[in-house]
PDB file of N, CA and C in Angstrom:
ATOM      1  N   UNK A   1       4.765  16.755  11.048  1.00  0.00           N
ATOM      2  CA  UNK A   1       4.449  15.311  10.983  1.00  0.00           C
ATOM      3  C   UNK A   1       3.853  14.982   9.604  1.00  0.00           C
ATOM      4  N   UNK A   2       4.357  13.797   9.113  1.00  0.00           N
ATOM      5  CA  UNK A   2       4.115  13.323   7.858  1.00  0.00           C
ATOM      6  C   UNK A   2       2.734  12.822   7.778  1.00  0.00           C
ATOM      7  N   UNK A   3       2.003  12.967   6.675  1.00  0.00           N
ATOM      8  CA  UNK A   3       0.572  12.385   6.629  1.00  0.00           C
ATOM      9  C   UNK A   3       0.789  10.809   6.500  1.00  0.00           C
ATOM     10  N   UNK A   4      -0.271  10.189   6.726  1.00  0.00           N
ATOM     11  CA  UNK A   4      -0.397   8.729   6.542  1.00  0.00           C
ATOM     12  C   UNK A   4      -0.074   8.378   5.158  1.00  0.00           C
ATOM     13  N   UNK A   5      -0.671   9.133   4.174  1.00  0.00           N
ATOM     14  CA  UNK A   5      -0.348   8.805   2.741  1.00  0.00           C
ATOM     15  C   UNK A   5       1.133   8.991   2.417  1.00  0.00           C
ATOM     16  N   UNK A   6       1.689   9.982   2.985  1.00  0.00           N
ATOM     17  CA  UNK A   6       3.145  10.196   2.764  1.00  0.00           C
ATOM     18  C   UNK A   6       3.990   9.009   3.251  1.00  0.00           C
ATOM     19  N   UNK A   7       3.790   8.563   4.464  1.00  0.00           N
ATOM     20  CA  UNK A   7       4.317   7.504   4.963  1.00  0.00           C
ATOM     21  C   UNK A   7       4.237   6.179   4.130  1.00  0.00           C
ATOM     22  N   UNK A   8       2.955   5.940   3.751  1.00  0.00           N
ATOM     23  CA  UNK A   8       2.770   4.735   2.852  1.00  0.00           C
ATOM     24  C   UNK A   8       3.510   4.826   1.604  1.00  0.00           C
ATOM     25  N   UNK A   9       3.495   6.045   0.918  1.00  0.00           N
ATOM     26  CA  UNK A   9       4.234   6.311  -0.419  1.00  0.00           C
ATOM     27  C   UNK A   9       5.704   5.976  -0.150  1.00  0.00           C
ATOM     28  N   UNK A  10       6.302   6.566   0.997  1.00  0.00           N
ATOM     29  CA  UNK A  10       7.718   6.324   1.194  1.00  0.00           C
ATOM     30  C   UNK A  10       8.079   4.885   1.291  1.00  0.00           C
ATOM     31  N   UNK A  11       7.352   4.087   1.943  1.00  0.00           N
ATOM     32  CA  UNK A  11       7.775   2.741   1.997  1.00  0.00           C
ATOM     33  C   UNK A  11       7.501   2.021   0.738  1.00  0.00           C
ATOM     34  N   UNK A  12       6.441   2.395  -0.055  1.00  0.00           N
ATOM     35  CA  UNK A  12       6.249   1.806  -1.469  1.00  0.00           C
ATOM     36  C   UNK A  12       7.358   2.123  -2.334  1.00  0.00           C
ATOM     37  N   UNK A  13       7.763   3.394  -2.316  1.00  0.00           N
ATOM     38  CA  UNK A  13       9.066   3.910  -3.145  1.00  0.00           C
ATOM     39  C   UNK A  13      10.297   3.030  -2.825  1.00  0.00           C
ATOM     40  N   UNK A  14      10.478   2.957  -1.467  1.00  0.00           N
ATOM     41  CA  UNK A  14      11.616   2.206  -1.063  1.00  0.00           C
ATOM     42  C   UNK A  14      11.713   0.763  -1.446  1.00  0.00           C
ATOM     43  N   UNK A  15      10.534   0.104  -1.053  1.00  0.00           N
ATOM     44  CA  UNK A  15      10.363  -1.328  -1.375  1.00  0.00           C
ATOM     45  C   UNK A  15      10.295  -1.723  -2.725  1.00  0.00           C
ATOM     46  N   UNK A  16       9.654  -0.959  -3.575  1.00  0.00           N
ATOM     47  CA  UNK A  16       9.415  -1.331  -4.963  1.00  0.00           C
ATOM     48  C   UNK A  16      10.322  -0.446  -5.976  1.00  0.00           C
ATOM     49  N   UNK A  17      11.054   0.396  -5.468  1.00  0.00           N
ATOM     50  CA  UNK A  17      11.989   1.176  -6.277  1.00  0.00           C
ATOM     51  C   UNK A  17      11.290   1.776  -7.472  1.00  0.00           C
ATOM     52  N   UNK A  18      10.262   2.606  -7.031  1.00  0.00           N
ATOM     53  CA  UNK A  18       9.485   3.334  -8.076  1.00  0.00           C
ATOM     54  C   UNK A  18       9.741   4.854  -7.868  1.00  0.00           C
ATOM     55  N   UNK A  19       9.617   5.641  -8.918  1.00  0.00           N
ATOM     56  CA  UNK A  19       9.750   6.990  -8.821  1.00  0.00           C
ATOM     57  C   UNK A  19       8.595   7.638  -8.118  1.00  0.00           C
ATOM     58  N   UNK A  20       8.887   8.705  -7.290  1.00  0.00           N
ATOM     59  CA  UNK A  20       7.998   9.377  -6.595  1.00  0.00           C
ATOM     60  C   UNK A  20       6.818   9.966  -7.402  1.00  0.00           C
ATOM     61  N   UNK A  21       7.244  10.460  -8.539  1.00  0.00           N
ATOM     62  CA  UNK A  21       6.278  11.153  -9.503  1.00  0.00           C
ATOM     63  C   UNK A  21       5.308  10.189 -10.020  1.00  0.00           C
ATOM     64  N   UNK A  22       5.536   8.892 -10.108  1.00  0.00           N
ATOM     65  CA  UNK A  22       4.597   7.848 -10.655  1.00  0.00           C
ATOM     66  C   UNK A  22       3.405   7.574  -9.797  1.00  0.00           C
ATOM     67  N   UNK A  23       3.691   7.825  -8.342  1.00  0.00           N
ATOM     68  CA  UNK A  23       2.625   7.518  -7.408  1.00  0.00           C
ATOM     69  C   UNK A  23       1.684   8.663  -7.254  1.00  0.00           C
ATOM     70  N   UNK A  24       0.478   8.431  -7.842  1.00  0.00           N
ATOM     71  CA  UNK A  24      -0.668   9.361  -7.805  1.00  0.00           C
ATOM     72  C   UNK A  24      -1.880   8.541  -7.451  1.00  0.00           C
ATOM     73  N   UNK A  25      -2.897   9.290  -6.758  1.00  0.00           N
ATOM     74  CA  UNK A  25      -4.094   8.443  -6.271  1.00  0.00           C
ATOM     75  C   UNK A  25      -4.779   7.711  -7.458  1.00  0.00           C
ATOM     76  N   UNK A  26      -4.771   8.309  -8.697  1.00  0.00           N
ATOM     77  CA  UNK A  26      -5.447   7.595  -9.745  1.00  0.00           C
ATOM     78  C   UNK A  26      -4.604   6.602 -10.506  1.00  0.00           C
ATOM     79  N   UNK A  27      -3.300   6.403 -10.186  1.00  0.00           N
ATOM     80  CA  UNK A  27      -2.477   5.605 -10.868  1.00  0.00           C
ATOM     81  C   UNK A  27      -2.793   4.176 -10.520  1.00  0.00           C
ATOM     82  N   UNK A  28      -2.602   3.224 -11.530  1.00  0.00           N
ATOM     83  CA  UNK A  28      -2.835   1.793 -11.250  1.00  0.00           C
ATOM     84  C   UNK A  28      -1.698   1.237 -10.418  1.00  0.00           C
ATOM     85  N   UNK A  29      -2.081   0.714  -9.326  1.00  0.00           N
ATOM     86  CA  UNK A  29      -0.998   0.112  -8.393  1.00  0.00           C
ATOM     87  C   UNK A  29      -0.147  -0.992  -8.951  1.00  0.00           C
ATOM     88  N   UNK A  30      -0.962  -1.848  -9.608  1.00  0.00           N
ATOM     89  CA  UNK A  30      -0.068  -3.047 -10.065  1.00  0.00           C
ATOM     90  C   UNK A  30       0.852  -2.496 -11.161  1.00  0.00           C
ATOM     91  N   UNK A  31       0.375  -1.785 -12.136  1.00  0.00           N
ATOM     92  CA  UNK A  31       1.306  -1.314 -13.259  1.00  0.00           C
ATOM     93  C   UNK A  31       2.420  -0.418 -12.670  1.00  0.00           C
ATOM     94  N   UNK A  32       2.104   0.530 -11.764  1.00  0.00           N
ATOM     95  CA  UNK A  32       3.063   1.429 -11.291  1.00  0.00           C
ATOM     96  C   UNK A  32       4.138   0.732 -10.485  1.00  0.00           C
ATOM     97  N   UNK A  33       3.792  -0.195  -9.705  1.00  0.00           N
ATOM     98  CA  UNK A  33       4.731  -0.891  -8.956  1.00  0.00           C
ATOM     99  C   UNK A  33       5.322  -2.168  -9.697  1.00  0.00           C
ATOM    100  N   UNK A  34       4.819  -2.340 -10.857  1.00  0.00           N
ATOM    101  CA  UNK A  34       5.220  -3.453 -11.618  1.00  0.00           C
ATOM    102  C   UNK A  34       5.029  -4.845 -10.895  1.00  0.00           C
ATOM    103  N   UNK A  35       3.913  -5.016 -10.344  1.00  0.00           N
ATOM    104  CA  UNK A  35       3.574  -6.225  -9.478  1.00  0.00           C
ATOM    105  C   UNK A  35       3.191  -7.403 -10.298  1.00  0.00           C
ATOM    106  N   UNK A  36       3.775  -8.526 -10.060  1.00  0.00           N
ATOM    107  CA  UNK A  36       3.324  -9.824 -10.547  1.00  0.00           C
ATOM    108  C   UNK A  36       2.725 -10.512  -9.336  1.00  0.00           C
ATOM    109  N   UNK A  37       2.230 -11.760  -9.493  1.00  0.00           N
ATOM    110  CA  UNK A  37       1.613 -12.439  -8.329  1.00  0.00           C
ATOM    111  C   UNK A  37       2.521 -12.639  -7.152  1.00  0.00           C
ATOM    112  N   UNK A  38       3.722 -12.844  -7.381  1.00  0.00           N
ATOM    113  CA  UNK A  38       4.763 -12.987  -6.271  1.00  0.00           C
ATOM    114  C   UNK A  38       5.030 -11.694  -5.543  1.00  0.00           C
ATOM    115  N   UNK A  39       5.005 -10.599  -6.365  1.00  0.00           N
ATOM    116  CA  UNK A  39       5.157  -9.187  -5.744  1.00  0.00           C
ATOM    117  C   UNK A  39       3.958  -9.031  -4.804  1.00  0.00           C
ATOM    118  N   UNK A  40       2.734  -9.485  -5.131  1.00  0.00           N
ATOM    119  CA  UNK A  40       1.660  -9.189  -4.197  1.00  0.00           C
ATOM    120  C   UNK A  40       1.987  -9.763  -2.790  1.00  0.00           C
ATOM    121  N   UNK A  41       2.631 -10.874  -2.807  1.00  0.00           N
ATOM    122  CA  UNK A  41       3.023 -11.379  -1.535  1.00  0.00           C
ATOM    123  C   UNK A  41       3.904 -10.531  -0.601  1.00  0.00           C
ATOM    124  N   UNK A  42       4.861  -9.917  -1.580  1.00  0.00           N
ATOM    125  CA  UNK A  42       5.878  -9.044  -0.973  1.00  0.00           C
ATOM    126  C   UNK A  42       5.013  -7.775  -0.541  1.00  0.00           C
ATOM    127  N   UNK A  43       4.089  -7.358  -1.271  1.00  0.00           N
ATOM    128  CA  UNK A  43       3.285  -6.209  -0.754  1.00  0.00           C
ATOM    129  C   UNK A  43       2.510  -6.414   0.595  1.00  0.00           C
ATOM    130  N   UNK A  44       1.986  -7.693   0.650  1.00  0.00           N
ATOM    131  CA  UNK A  44       1.263  -8.046   1.986  1.00  0.00           C
ATOM    132  C   UNK A  44       2.393  -7.982   3.110  1.00  0.00           C
ATOM    133  N   UNK A  45       3.544  -8.527   2.799  1.00  0.00           N
ATOM    134  CA  UNK A  45       4.571  -8.628   3.905  1.00  0.00           C
ATOM    135  C   UNK A  45       5.015  -7.171   4.328  1.00  0.00           C
ATOM    136  N   UNK A  46       5.204  -6.333   3.310  1.00  0.00           N
ATOM    137  CA  UNK A  46       5.466  -4.954   3.535  1.00  0.00           C
ATOM    138  C   UNK A  46       4.448  -4.187   4.328  1.00  0.00           C
ATOM    139  N   UNK A  47       3.249  -4.392   3.950  1.00  0.00           N
ATOM    140  CA  UNK A  47       2.119  -3.766   4.592  1.00  0.00           C
ATOM    141  C   UNK A  47       2.095  -4.150   6.057  1.00  0.00           C
ATOM    142  N   UNK A  48       2.274  -5.458   6.336  1.00  0.00           N
ATOM    143  CA  UNK A  48       2.275  -6.042   7.758  1.00  0.00           C
ATOM    144  C   UNK A  48       3.334  -5.629   8.524  1.00  0.00           C
ATOM    145  N   UNK A  49       4.586  -5.608   7.956  1.00  0.00           N
ATOM    146  CA  UNK A  49       5.659  -5.163   8.709  1.00  0.00           C
ATOM    147  C   UNK A  49       5.752  -3.574   8.936  1.00  0.00           C
ATOM    148  N   UNK A  50       5.326  -2.852   7.970  1.00  0.00           N
ATOM    149  CA  UNK A  50       5.506  -1.386   8.036  1.00  0.00           C
ATOM    150  C   UNK A  50       4.302  -0.768   8.849  1.00  0.00           C
ATOM    151  N   UNK A  51       3.084  -1.392   8.641  1.00  0.00           N
ATOM    152  CA  UNK A  51       1.852  -0.793   9.086  1.00  0.00           C
ATOM    153  C   UNK A  51       1.149  -1.552  10.267  1.00  0.00           C
ATOM    154  N   UNK A  52       1.693  -2.699  10.456  1.00  0.00           N
ATOM    155  CA  UNK A  52       1.212  -3.484  11.651  1.00  0.00           C
ATOM    156  C   UNK A  52      -0.129  -4.023  11.761  1.00  0.00           C
ATOM    157  N   UNK A  53      -0.510  -4.481  10.485  1.00  0.00           N
ATOM    158  CA  UNK A  53      -2.023  -5.263  10.544  1.00  0.00           C
ATOM    159  C   UNK A  53      -1.812  -6.301   9.512  1.00  0.00           C
ATOM    160  N   UNK A  54      -2.714  -7.297   9.690  1.00  0.00           N
ATOM    161  CA  UNK A  54      -2.717  -8.427   8.797  1.00  0.00           C
ATOM    162  C   UNK A  54      -3.606  -8.021   7.591  1.00  0.00           C
ATOM    163  N   UNK A  55      -3.274  -8.593   6.451  1.00  0.00           N
ATOM    164  CA  UNK A  55      -3.946  -8.298   5.201  1.00  0.00           C
ATOM    165  C   UNK A  55      -4.659  -9.579   4.799  1.00  0.00           C
ATOM    166  N   UNK A  56      -5.881  -9.544   4.426  1.00  0.00           N
ATOM    167  CA  UNK A  56      -6.584 -10.764   3.947  1.00  0.00           C
ATOM    168  C   UNK A  56      -6.428 -10.829   2.501  1.00  0.00           C
ATOM    169  N   UNK A  57      -5.893 -11.977   1.949  1.00  0.00           N
ATOM    170  CA  UNK A  57      -5.542 -12.031   0.545  1.00  0.00           C
ATOM    171  C   UNK A  57      -6.736 -11.753  -0.464  1.00  0.00           C
ATOM    172  N   UNK A  58      -8.003 -12.109   0.217  1.00  0.00           N
ATOM    173  CA  UNK A  58      -9.113 -11.792  -0.630  1.00  0.00           C
ATOM    174  C   UNK A  58      -9.476 -10.437  -0.784  1.00  0.00           C
ATOM    175  N   UNK A  59      -8.897  -9.520  -0.056  1.00  0.00           N
ATOM    176  CA  UNK A  59      -9.134  -8.035  -0.064  1.00  0.00           C
ATOM    177  C   UNK A  59      -8.256  -7.453  -1.312  1.00  0.00           C
ATOM    178  N   UNK A  60      -7.239  -8.007  -1.657  1.00  0.00           N
ATOM    179  CA  UNK A  60      -6.316  -7.494  -2.713  1.00  0.00           C
ATOM    180  C   UNK A  60      -6.884  -7.152  -3.984  1.00  0.00           C
ATOM    181  N   UNK A  61      -7.685  -8.162  -4.586  1.00  0.00           N
ATOM    182  CA  UNK A  61      -8.187  -7.999  -6.012  1.00  0.00           C
ATOM    183  C   UNK A  61      -9.082  -6.628  -6.210  1.00  0.00           C
ATOM    184  N   UNK A  62      -9.578  -6.187  -5.087  1.00  0.00           N
ATOM    185  CA  UNK A  62     -10.336  -4.887  -5.273  1.00  0.00           C
ATOM    186  C   UNK A  62      -9.617  -3.804  -5.112  1.00  0.00           C
ATOM    187  N   UNK A  63      -8.223  -3.743  -4.992  1.00  0.00           N
ATOM    188  CA  UNK A  63      -7.379  -2.690  -4.838  1.00  0.00           C
ATOM    189  C   UNK A  63      -6.625  -2.468  -6.308  1.00  0.00           C
ATOM    190  N   UNK A  64      -7.256  -1.472  -6.982  1.00  0.00           N
ATOM    191  CA  UNK A  64      -6.817  -1.235  -8.263  1.00  0.00           C
ATOM    192  C   UNK A  64      -5.770   0.073  -8.396  1.00  0.00           C
ATOM    193  N   UNK A  65      -6.352   1.203  -7.865  1.00  0.00           N
ATOM    194  CA  UNK A  65      -5.446   2.274  -7.819  1.00  0.00           C
ATOM    195  C   UNK A  65      -4.807   2.678  -6.482  1.00  0.00           C
ATOM    196  N   UNK A  66      -3.865   3.554  -6.438  1.00  0.00           N
ATOM    197  CA  UNK A  66      -3.351   3.985  -5.161  1.00  0.00           C
ATOM    198  C   UNK A  66      -4.462   4.463  -4.207  1.00  0.00           C
ATOM    199  N   UNK A  67      -5.373   5.127  -4.753  1.00  0.00           N
ATOM    200  CA  UNK A  67      -6.484   5.669  -3.860  1.00  0.00           C
ATOM    201  C   UNK A  67      -7.225   4.483  -3.207  1.00  0.00           C
ATOM    202  N   UNK A  68      -7.440   3.445  -4.125  1.00  0.00           N
ATOM    203  CA  UNK A  68      -8.030   2.191  -3.416  1.00  0.00           C
ATOM    204  C   UNK A  68      -7.211   1.697  -2.297  1.00  0.00           C
ATOM    205  N   UNK A  69      -5.878   1.653  -2.575  1.00  0.00           N
ATOM    206  CA  UNK A  69      -4.923   1.178  -1.515  1.00  0.00           C
ATOM    207  C   UNK A  69      -4.952   1.956  -0.286  1.00  0.00           C
ATOM    208  N   UNK A  70      -4.980   3.420  -0.376  1.00  0.00           N
ATOM    209  CA  UNK A  70      -5.189   4.169   0.655  1.00  0.00           C
ATOM    210  C   UNK A  70      -6.458   4.031   1.419  1.00  0.00           C
ATOM    211  N   UNK A  71      -7.508   3.868   0.659  1.00  0.00           N
ATOM    212  CA  UNK A  71      -8.825   3.665   1.339  1.00  0.00           C
ATOM    213  C   UNK A  71      -8.887   2.212   2.029  1.00  0.00           C
ATOM    214  N   UNK A  72      -8.084   1.353   1.574  1.00  0.00           N
ATOM    215  CA  UNK A  72      -7.993   0.160   2.318  1.00  0.00           C
ATOM    216  C   UNK A  72      -7.091   0.158   3.527  1.00  0.00           C
ATOM    217  N   UNK A  73      -5.910   0.740   3.384  1.00  0.00           N
ATOM    218  CA  UNK A  73      -4.906   0.834   4.433  1.00  0.00           C
ATOM    219  C   UNK A  73      -5.323   1.802   5.585  1.00  0.00           C
ATOM    220  N   UNK A  74      -5.732   2.982   5.181  1.00  0.00           N
ATOM    221  CA  UNK A  74      -5.833   4.099   6.257  1.00  0.00           C
ATOM    222  C   UNK A  74      -6.811   3.724   7.355  1.00  0.00           C
ATOM    223  N   UNK A  75      -7.911   3.332   7.179  1.00  0.00           N
ATOM    224  CA  UNK A  75      -8.930   2.913   8.261  1.00  0.00           C
ATOM    225  C   UNK A  75      -8.279   1.757   9.161  1.00  0.00           C
ATOM    226  N   UNK A  76      -7.590   0.930   8.563  1.00  0.00           N
ATOM    227  CA  UNK A  76      -6.955  -0.226   9.326  1.00  0.00           C
ATOM    228  C   UNK A  76      -5.854   0.314  10.214  1.00  0.00           C
ATOM    229  N   UNK A  77      -5.158   1.194   9.717  1.00  0.00           N
ATOM    230  CA  UNK A  77      -4.138   1.767  10.628  1.00  0.00           C
ATOM    231  C   UNK A  77      -4.659   2.567  11.779  1.00  0.00           C
ATOM    232  N   UNK A  78      -5.769   3.378  11.567  1.00  0.00           N
ATOM    233  CA  UNK A  78      -6.468   4.111  12.493  1.00  0.00           C
ATOM    234  C   UNK A  78      -7.189   3.221  13.530  1.00  0.00           C
ATOM    235  N   UNK A  79      -7.770   2.122  13.017  1.00  0.00           N
ATOM    236  CA  UNK A  79      -8.372   1.085  13.848  1.00  0.00           C
ATOM    237  C   UNK A  79      -7.323   0.484  14.864  1.00  0.00           C
ATOM    238  N   UNK A  80      -6.131   0.212  14.275  1.00  0.00           N
ATOM    239  CA  UNK A  80      -5.093  -0.400  15.099  1.00  0.00           C
ATOM    240  C   UNK A  80      -4.572   0.593  16.135  1.00  0.00           C
ATOM    241  N   UNK A  81      -4.477   1.934  15.858  1.00  0.00           N
ATOM    242  CA  UNK A  81      -3.923   2.895  16.793  1.00  0.00           C
ATOM    243  C   UNK A  81      -4.914   3.071  17.984  1.00  0.00           C
ATOM    244  N   UNK A  82      -6.256   2.844  17.634  1.00  0.00           N
ATOM    245  CA  UNK A  82      -7.267   3.169  18.673  1.00  0.00           C
ATOM    246  C   UNK A  82      -7.676   1.835  19.369  1.00  0.00           C
ATOM    247  N   UNK A  83      -7.044   0.816  19.104  1.00  0.00           N
ATOM    248  CA  UNK A  83      -7.491  -0.536  19.746  1.00  0.00           C
ATOM    249  C   UNK A  83      -6.758  -0.647  21.084  1.00  0.00           C
TER     250      UNK A  83
END
């Protein structure tokens, strides 16, 4: 069974066409995925469709690295699974 982080990375690689080797916990999410303000909307849609929870736009500015992203997403996935 794949880890949650592996699943997250897979959909990010697919949706944003980024090389697997560039996704590291310390890497900058915005720079690695080449996100502009419109891409953040895409990221929200991708999270909601792949992971099944709503994202609050005010939460996004605090997400700098992939580790920040994992720390944001993983508790919400587990919360949803146990709801």
